[in-house]
Amino acid sequence: METLKPEKIITTISNLKTGEEYKTEEEWKTKGVPEAEIRRDVKVIMPSLDLFPKTK
């Protein structure tokens, strides 16, 4: 069985209180933002599946 690997993984890091988005983990840590105020959204893009393969 072939294992599917994600095409792309997109992680968005933002502040729950201010809505400010950060490019990296280090960015919010250097600004002194408590981790409790951090929101991480992870979007996984998978390759399309061939649901109706052609048969011979």
Protein backbone atom coordinates (compact mmCIF):
# COMPACT_ATOMS: atom_id res chain seq x y z
CA MET A 1 0.00 0.00 0.00
CA GLU A 2 1.34 3.42 -0.95
CA THR A 3 1.63 6.04 1.78
CA LEU A 4 0.30 9.49 0.93
CA LYS A 5 2.54 12.38 1.85
CA PRO A 6 1.22 15.93 2.24
CA GLU A 7 1.93 18.34 -0.60
CA LYS A 8 2.29 21.25 1.77
CA ILE A 9 1.87 22.05 5.47
CA ILE A 10 1.02 25.66 6.35
CA THR A 11 1.27 26.78 9.98
CA THR A 12 -0.15 30.16 11.00
CA ILE A 13 0.86 31.52 14.41
CA SER A 14 -1.23 34.36 15.82
CA ASN A 15 -2.03 36.15 19.06
CA LEU A 16 -5.45 35.28 20.48
CA LYS A 17 -5.91 38.73 22.07
CA THR A 18 -4.50 41.09 19.42
CA GLY A 19 -4.83 39.00 16.26
CA GLU A 20 -1.20 39.78 15.35
CA GLU A 21 0.39 37.10 13.15
CA TYR A 22 3.96 35.88 13.62
CA LYS A 23 6.19 34.35 10.96
CA THR A 24 8.18 32.13 13.36
CA GLU A 25 8.08 30.71 16.90
CA GLU A 26 11.07 32.89 17.82
CA GLU A 27 9.26 36.09 16.80
CA TRP A 28 6.52 35.84 19.44
CA LYS A 29 8.96 34.51 22.05
CA THR A 30 11.29 37.52 21.63
CA LYS A 31 8.30 39.86 22.02
CA GLY A 32 7.53 38.28 25.42
CA VAL A 33 4.06 37.03 24.48
CA PRO A 34 2.82 34.33 26.88
CA GLU A 35 2.25 30.96 25.19
CA ALA A 36 -1.33 30.92 26.53
CA GLU A 37 -2.10 33.79 24.11
CA ILE A 38 -0.69 31.96 21.07
CA ARG A 39 -2.90 30.23 18.53
CA ARG A 40 -1.48 27.80 15.96
CA ASP A 41 -3.52 26.89 12.89
CA VAL A 42 -2.13 24.04 10.82
CA LYS A 43 -3.43 23.49 7.29
CA VAL A 44 -2.34 20.30 5.51
CA ILE A 45 -2.65 20.23 1.72
CA MET A 46 -2.85 16.66 0.41
CA PRO A 47 -2.37 15.53 -3.19
CA SER A 48 -5.60 14.85 -5.05
CA LEU A 49 -6.83 11.27 -5.07
CA ASP A 50 -7.89 9.43 -8.18
CA LEU A 51 -11.24 8.17 -6.92
CA PHE A 52 -12.31 6.67 -10.23
CA PRO A 53 -9.23 5.01 -11.75
CA LYS A 54 -9.45 3.90 -15.36
CA THR A 55 -9.67 0.15 -15.84
CA LYS A 56 -8.60 -1.74 -18.90
